[in-house]
N, C-alpha and C. Protein backbone atom coordinates (compact mmCIF):
# COMPACT_ATOMS: atom_id res chain seq x y z
N UNK A 1 -10.36 -16.56 20.31
CA UNK A 1 -11.43 -16.84 19.38
C UNK A 1 -11.52 -18.34 19.17
N UNK A 2 -12.11 -19.01 20.16
CA UNK A 2 -12.30 -20.46 20.05
C UNK A 2 -13.50 -20.76 19.18
N UNK A 3 -13.36 -21.79 18.40
CA UNK A 3 -14.47 -22.22 17.55
C UNK A 3 -14.57 -23.73 17.67
N UNK A 4 -15.64 -24.25 18.26
CA UNK A 4 -15.75 -25.69 18.39
C UNK A 4 -15.97 -26.35 17.03
N UNK A 5 -15.40 -27.54 16.87
CA UNK A 5 -15.61 -28.29 15.63
C UNK A 5 -17.10 -28.59 15.53
N UNK A 6 -17.71 -28.38 14.36
CA UNK A 6 -19.16 -28.55 14.24
C UNK A 6 -19.66 -29.97 14.52
N UNK A 7 -18.82 -30.98 14.31
CA UNK A 7 -19.25 -32.36 14.53
C UNK A 7 -18.83 -32.91 15.88
N UNK A 8 -17.60 -32.61 16.30
CA UNK A 8 -17.05 -33.21 17.52
C UNK A 8 -17.09 -32.29 18.73
N UNK A 9 -17.21 -30.99 18.51
CA UNK A 9 -17.19 -30.03 19.61
C UNK A 9 -15.80 -29.71 20.13
N UNK A 10 -14.77 -30.33 19.53
CA UNK A 10 -13.39 -30.08 19.96
C UNK A 10 -13.04 -28.62 19.71
N UNK A 11 -12.50 -27.91 20.72
CA UNK A 11 -12.16 -26.50 20.51
C UNK A 11 -11.02 -26.34 19.50
N UNK A 12 -11.15 -25.32 18.68
CA UNK A 12 -10.15 -25.03 17.65
C UNK A 12 -9.90 -23.53 17.61
N UNK A 13 -8.75 -23.16 17.09
CA UNK A 13 -8.45 -21.75 16.80
C UNK A 13 -8.08 -21.65 15.33
N UNK A 14 -8.36 -20.49 14.76
CA UNK A 14 -8.00 -20.21 13.38
C UNK A 14 -6.75 -19.34 13.40
N UNK A 15 -5.78 -19.70 12.59
CA UNK A 15 -4.51 -18.98 12.53
C UNK A 15 -4.26 -18.58 11.09
N UNK A 16 -3.74 -17.35 10.89
CA UNK A 16 -3.34 -16.92 9.55
C UNK A 16 -1.95 -17.50 9.30
N UNK A 17 -1.88 -18.44 8.39
CA UNK A 17 -0.63 -19.13 8.11
C UNK A 17 0.11 -18.52 6.93
N UNK A 18 0.98 -19.33 6.36
CA UNK A 18 1.80 -18.90 5.22
C UNK A 18 0.92 -18.45 4.07
N UNK A 19 1.37 -17.44 3.37
CA UNK A 19 0.64 -16.88 2.22
C UNK A 19 -0.77 -16.45 2.58
N UNK A 20 -0.98 -16.05 3.85
CA UNK A 20 -2.28 -15.58 4.33
C UNK A 20 -3.38 -16.63 4.14
N UNK A 21 -3.03 -17.88 4.38
CA UNK A 21 -3.99 -18.99 4.26
C UNK A 21 -4.43 -19.43 5.65
N UNK A 22 -5.69 -19.86 5.76
CA UNK A 22 -6.26 -20.28 7.04
C UNK A 22 -5.71 -21.64 7.47
N UNK A 23 -5.23 -21.68 8.71
CA UNK A 23 -4.79 -22.93 9.34
C UNK A 23 -5.71 -23.15 10.53
N UNK A 24 -6.31 -24.33 10.63
CA UNK A 24 -7.21 -24.64 11.74
C UNK A 24 -6.47 -25.59 12.68
N UNK A 25 -6.37 -25.19 13.97
CA UNK A 25 -5.61 -25.98 14.93
C UNK A 25 -6.49 -26.35 16.12
N UNK A 26 -6.50 -27.64 16.47
CA UNK A 26 -7.23 -28.08 17.65
C UNK A 26 -6.41 -27.73 18.89
N UNK A 27 -7.11 -27.30 19.94
CA UNK A 27 -6.45 -26.91 21.19
C UNK A 27 -7.19 -27.53 22.37
N UNK A 28 -6.54 -27.49 23.52
CA UNK A 28 -7.15 -27.91 24.78
C UNK A 28 -7.34 -26.66 25.63
N UNK A 29 -8.55 -26.44 26.13
CA UNK A 29 -8.82 -25.29 26.98
C UNK A 29 -8.35 -25.61 28.39
N UNK A 30 -7.44 -24.77 28.91
CA UNK A 30 -6.93 -24.94 30.27
C UNK A 30 -7.75 -24.14 31.27
N UNK A 31 -8.19 -22.96 30.86
CA UNK A 31 -8.98 -22.07 31.71
C UNK A 31 -9.66 -21.05 30.82
N UNK A 32 -10.87 -20.66 31.18
CA UNK A 32 -11.56 -19.66 30.39
C UNK A 32 -12.49 -18.81 31.23
N UNK A 33 -12.70 -17.58 30.78
CA UNK A 33 -13.63 -16.64 31.39
C UNK A 33 -14.37 -15.96 30.25
N UNK A 34 -15.16 -14.94 30.57
CA UNK A 34 -15.96 -14.27 29.55
C UNK A 34 -15.13 -13.76 28.39
N UNK A 35 -14.00 -13.13 28.68
CA UNK A 35 -13.22 -12.51 27.59
C UNK A 35 -11.77 -12.95 27.55
N UNK A 36 -11.41 -14.02 28.26
CA UNK A 36 -10.04 -14.54 28.25
C UNK A 36 -10.09 -16.06 28.22
N UNK A 37 -9.10 -16.65 27.58
CA UNK A 37 -9.01 -18.10 27.58
C UNK A 37 -7.54 -18.50 27.46
N UNK A 38 -7.16 -19.52 28.19
CA UNK A 38 -5.81 -20.08 28.09
C UNK A 38 -5.93 -21.46 27.47
N UNK A 39 -5.12 -21.71 26.45
CA UNK A 39 -5.20 -22.99 25.74
C UNK A 39 -3.82 -23.63 25.65
N UNK A 40 -3.82 -24.93 25.39
CA UNK A 40 -2.60 -25.67 25.09
C UNK A 40 -2.80 -26.27 23.71
N UNK A 41 -1.79 -26.14 22.88
CA UNK A 41 -1.89 -26.69 21.54
C UNK A 41 -0.68 -26.31 20.71
N UNK A 42 -0.79 -26.45 19.41
CA UNK A 42 0.36 -26.23 18.53
C UNK A 42 0.67 -24.76 18.23
N UNK A 43 0.05 -23.82 18.94
CA UNK A 43 0.32 -22.40 18.69
C UNK A 43 1.76 -22.07 19.06
N UNK A 44 2.35 -21.17 18.28
CA UNK A 44 3.72 -20.73 18.53
C UNK A 44 3.74 -19.22 18.75
N UNK A 45 4.76 -18.74 19.40
CA UNK A 45 4.94 -17.31 19.58
C UNK A 45 4.96 -16.64 18.21
N UNK A 46 4.18 -15.59 18.04
CA UNK A 46 4.13 -14.88 16.77
C UNK A 46 3.01 -15.32 15.85
N UNK A 47 2.32 -16.44 16.16
CA UNK A 47 1.19 -16.85 15.34
C UNK A 47 0.11 -15.77 15.37
N UNK A 48 -0.52 -15.54 14.24
CA UNK A 48 -1.60 -14.56 14.15
C UNK A 48 -2.93 -15.29 14.26
N UNK A 49 -3.55 -15.20 15.45
CA UNK A 49 -4.83 -15.85 15.69
C UNK A 49 -5.94 -14.98 15.11
N UNK A 50 -6.82 -15.60 14.36
CA UNK A 50 -7.94 -14.89 13.73
C UNK A 50 -9.02 -14.71 14.79
N UNK A 51 -9.41 -13.46 15.05
CA UNK A 51 -10.42 -13.19 16.07
C UNK A 51 -11.74 -12.72 15.48
N UNK A 52 -11.79 -12.42 14.21
CA UNK A 52 -13.04 -12.01 13.59
C UNK A 52 -13.75 -13.24 13.01
N UNK A 53 -15.02 -13.08 12.72
CA UNK A 53 -15.82 -14.18 12.19
C UNK A 53 -15.35 -14.54 10.78
N UNK A 54 -15.24 -15.84 10.51
CA UNK A 54 -14.87 -16.33 9.18
C UNK A 54 -15.99 -17.27 8.74
N UNK A 55 -16.94 -16.76 7.94
CA UNK A 55 -18.04 -17.62 7.51
C UNK A 55 -17.54 -18.72 6.57
N UNK A 56 -18.09 -19.91 6.73
CA UNK A 56 -17.75 -21.06 5.88
C UNK A 56 -16.24 -21.28 5.81
N UNK A 57 -15.59 -21.31 6.97
CA UNK A 57 -14.13 -21.44 7.03
C UNK A 57 -13.67 -22.81 6.54
N UNK A 58 -12.69 -22.79 5.66
CA UNK A 58 -12.07 -24.01 5.15
C UNK A 58 -10.57 -23.88 5.28
N UNK A 59 -9.92 -24.92 5.77
CA UNK A 59 -8.46 -24.89 5.88
C UNK A 59 -7.86 -24.59 4.51
N UNK A 60 -6.91 -23.67 4.49
CA UNK A 60 -6.22 -23.31 3.25
C UNK A 60 -6.86 -22.16 2.50
N UNK A 61 -8.05 -21.71 2.94
CA UNK A 61 -8.69 -20.60 2.22
C UNK A 61 -7.88 -19.33 2.42
N UNK A 62 -7.92 -18.45 1.44
CA UNK A 62 -7.19 -17.18 1.48
C UNK A 62 -7.89 -16.25 2.46
N UNK A 63 -7.10 -15.58 3.31
CA UNK A 63 -7.62 -14.62 4.27
C UNK A 63 -7.11 -13.22 3.94
N UNK A 64 -7.82 -12.22 4.44
CA UNK A 64 -7.40 -10.83 4.28
C UNK A 64 -7.49 -10.17 5.64
N UNK A 65 -6.46 -9.44 6.02
CA UNK A 65 -6.49 -8.72 7.29
C UNK A 65 -7.49 -7.57 7.19
N UNK A 66 -8.20 -7.31 8.28
CA UNK A 66 -9.12 -6.17 8.30
C UNK A 66 -8.35 -4.89 8.01
N UNK A 67 -8.90 -4.05 7.18
CA UNK A 67 -8.26 -2.78 6.85
C UNK A 67 -7.34 -2.86 5.66
N UNK A 68 -7.02 -4.07 5.19
CA UNK A 68 -6.19 -4.20 3.98
C UNK A 68 -7.04 -3.86 2.77
N UNK A 69 -6.49 -3.10 1.84
CA UNK A 69 -7.26 -2.81 0.63
C UNK A 69 -7.44 -4.08 -0.20
N UNK A 70 -8.56 -4.17 -0.87
CA UNK A 70 -8.81 -5.30 -1.76
C UNK A 70 -7.98 -5.14 -3.01
N UNK A 71 -7.66 -6.25 -3.64
CA UNK A 71 -6.93 -6.20 -4.91
C UNK A 71 -7.85 -5.59 -5.96
N UNK A 72 -7.33 -4.73 -6.82
CA UNK A 72 -8.18 -4.14 -7.85
C UNK A 72 -8.68 -5.22 -8.81
N UNK A 73 -9.91 -5.07 -9.23
CA UNK A 73 -10.49 -6.01 -10.19
C UNK A 73 -9.87 -5.78 -11.55
N UNK A 74 -9.63 -6.85 -12.31
CA UNK A 74 -9.08 -6.67 -13.66
C UNK A 74 -10.07 -5.94 -14.55
N UNK A 75 -9.55 -5.13 -15.46
CA UNK A 75 -10.42 -4.39 -16.38
C UNK A 75 -11.07 -5.36 -17.35
N UNK A 76 -12.33 -5.13 -17.63
CA UNK A 76 -13.06 -5.98 -18.57
C UNK A 76 -12.59 -5.70 -19.98
N UNK A 77 -12.64 -6.71 -20.82
CA UNK A 77 -12.25 -6.55 -22.21
C UNK A 77 -13.18 -5.55 -22.88
N UNK A 78 -12.60 -4.64 -23.63
CA UNK A 78 -13.41 -3.63 -24.33
C UNK A 78 -13.85 -2.50 -23.43
N UNK A 79 -13.24 -2.37 -22.26
CA UNK A 79 -13.66 -1.33 -21.33
C UNK A 79 -12.92 -0.02 -21.57
N UNK A 80 -12.03 -0.02 -22.54
CA UNK A 80 -11.26 1.19 -22.79
C UNK A 80 -9.95 1.21 -22.05
N UNK A 81 -9.67 0.16 -21.27
CA UNK A 81 -8.40 0.10 -20.55
C UNK A 81 -7.28 -0.18 -21.53
N UNK A 82 -6.13 0.40 -21.26
CA UNK A 82 -4.98 0.22 -22.13
C UNK A 82 -4.06 -0.81 -21.51
N UNK A 83 -3.69 -1.81 -22.29
CA UNK A 83 -2.79 -2.85 -21.81
C UNK A 83 -1.37 -2.31 -21.74
N UNK A 84 -0.58 -2.77 -20.77
CA UNK A 84 0.80 -2.29 -20.64
C UNK A 84 1.68 -2.75 -21.78
């Protein structure tokens, strides 16, 4: 999932980093085809490369894995919820 930098065109990959935060890493494309690409860069074995679309991606933004349940919304005041 290569994403060119919007200003420079430099190829980048998005990685899910610590605390599920987005890390953007510049890479060099060594070879590519329609559905495969080989790159050189700071990627390490075990890095989780983001392959789905991330609109308005910003380094450090919180990510969620597909299929993970969303955190429950806090109960509104006066909603009848009982505090622990």
